[in-house]
Structure formats: structure tokens, C-alpha cells
Protein backbone atom coordinates (compact mmCIF):
# COMPACT_ATOMS: atom_id res chain seq x y z
CA MET A 1 10.16 34.08 8.84
CA SER A 2 11.09 33.15 5.39
CA ASP A 3 8.12 32.07 2.96
CA GLU A 4 10.08 29.28 2.03
CA LEU A 5 8.76 25.94 3.76
CA LEU A 6 10.76 22.82 4.38
CA THR A 7 9.94 19.87 2.08
CA PRO A 8 10.24 16.33 2.93
CA THR A 9 13.18 16.11 0.96
CA LEU A 10 15.05 18.71 2.93
CA ILE A 11 13.89 17.28 6.20
CA ARG A 12 15.24 13.60 5.42
CA ALA A 13 18.32 15.32 4.14
CA ALA A 14 19.15 17.38 7.33
CA ARG A 15 18.26 14.20 9.38
CA ALA A 16 20.69 12.17 7.52
CA LEU A 17 23.24 14.95 7.62
CA LEU A 18 22.98 15.14 11.40
CA GLU A 19 23.09 11.18 11.75
CA TYR A 20 19.58 11.09 13.68
CA ASP A 21 16.73 8.62 13.13
CA GLN A 22 13.13 9.82 13.40
CA GLU A 23 12.91 9.45 16.92
CA ALA A 24 15.98 11.48 17.71
CA LEU A 25 14.87 14.38 15.47
CA ALA A 26 11.31 14.37 16.87
CA GLU A 27 12.61 14.42 20.44
CA ARG A 28 15.01 17.42 19.58
CA LEU A 29 12.53 19.32 17.90
CA GLY A 30 9.72 18.48 20.48
CA ILE A 31 7.23 16.76 18.17
CA SER A 32 6.45 13.10 18.13
CA ARG A 33 8.03 10.66 16.00
CA LYS A 34 4.49 10.08 14.27
CA THR A 35 4.14 13.78 13.21
CA LEU A 36 7.84 13.89 11.85
CA ALA A 37 7.06 10.67 9.80
CA LEU A 38 3.91 12.15 8.33
CA ILE A 39 5.73 15.28 7.56
CA GLU A 40 8.54 13.57 5.91
CA THR A 41 5.96 11.79 3.69
CA MET A 42 3.77 14.70 2.53
CA LYS A 43 3.44 15.51 -0.90
CA PRO A 44 5.27 18.78 -1.67
CA GLY A 45 3.52 21.50 -3.74
CA GLY A 46 0.02 21.70 -2.67
CA PRO A 47 -1.72 23.95 0.18
CA VAL A 48 -0.49 23.49 3.63
CA ASP A 49 -2.61 23.75 6.59
CA PRO A 50 -1.87 26.49 8.79
CA ARG A 51 -1.18 24.31 11.89
CA ARG A 52 1.59 22.28 9.57
CA ARG A 53 2.96 25.58 8.62
CA ARG A 54 3.61 26.59 12.03
CA VAL A 55 4.97 23.23 12.74
CA LEU A 56 7.46 23.53 9.62
CA GLU A 57 8.42 27.05 10.61
CA GLU A 58 9.49 26.04 14.07
CA MET A 59 11.32 22.97 12.85
CA LYS A 60 13.27 25.18 10.36
CA ALA A 61 13.85 27.77 13.09
CA LYS A 62 15.12 24.98 15.63
CA MET A 63 17.37 23.21 13.16
CA GLU A 64 18.97 26.38 11.80
CA HIS A 65 19.80 28.04 15.08
CA GLU A 66 20.10 24.95 17.39
CA MET A 67 21.39 22.31 15.27
CA HIS A 68 23.30 24.82 12.87
CA VAL A 69 21.61 23.43 9.52
CA GLU A 70 21.57 25.66 6.67
CA PHE A 71 18.80 24.82 4.13
CA ILE A 72 19.28 25.69 0.42
CA PHE A 73 15.97 25.99 -1.34
CA ARG A 74 15.35 25.35 -4.96
CA GLY A 75 15.92 28.26 -7.21
CA ASP A 76 15.76 28.87 -11.06
CA SER A 77 19.42 27.52 -11.39
CA THR A 78 20.03 25.47 -8.35
CA GLY A 79 18.39 22.38 -6.66
CA GLU A 80 17.43 22.36 -2.82
CA GLY A 81 19.98 21.00 -0.46
CA VAL A 82 21.36 21.14 3.20
CA ARG A 83 24.69 21.85 4.78
CA LEU A 84 25.99 22.38 8.27
CA ARG A 85 27.11 25.92 8.87
CA ARG A 86 30.59 26.49 10.80
CA ARG A 87 30.06 27.25 14.49
């Protein structure tokens, strides 16, 4: 898996793009709404607990493969974002 972890901003942007509320996205991802809410409000940039890292990696994989979301991570000359891939 990529070393890039989802940020709260990317998760909220993907959820908005998919037109899901927290409950709907959490159900699709197989996690609780409370877990999703906690992840969406975590502070980016600090160390990530190994369990949280695993959840973020699984969320990313499901959103990319099952929901066709493409994540664009912050680079030297670009900001972060999301878009839908063509099916």
C-alpha cells in the first residue's frame, strides 16, 4: 500500500463527492459512524496509532476500488483533492 494516509479533509471531501452522510459511508466501509466521526476530526500531521493506520489504509482501498474515488495527495506544487474515476 502507498505510504500516503487519508487526511480528515480528503475523507470529508470524498464523502461529499459521493453524497453520503457519515452513517452511509461508515456502513459502506464496515466501520461505526462514531469511528468515522473521530477519524474526520483527528489532527493531521502527528503520529498515527497502528490500528488507526490500518483502518485508514482499509478505508482508502475500499473507496478506491469499490466506490471509484481517486485521492490526490498534497505535493510540492499541488494541493490535496478527490475525484471520481471513470468506470
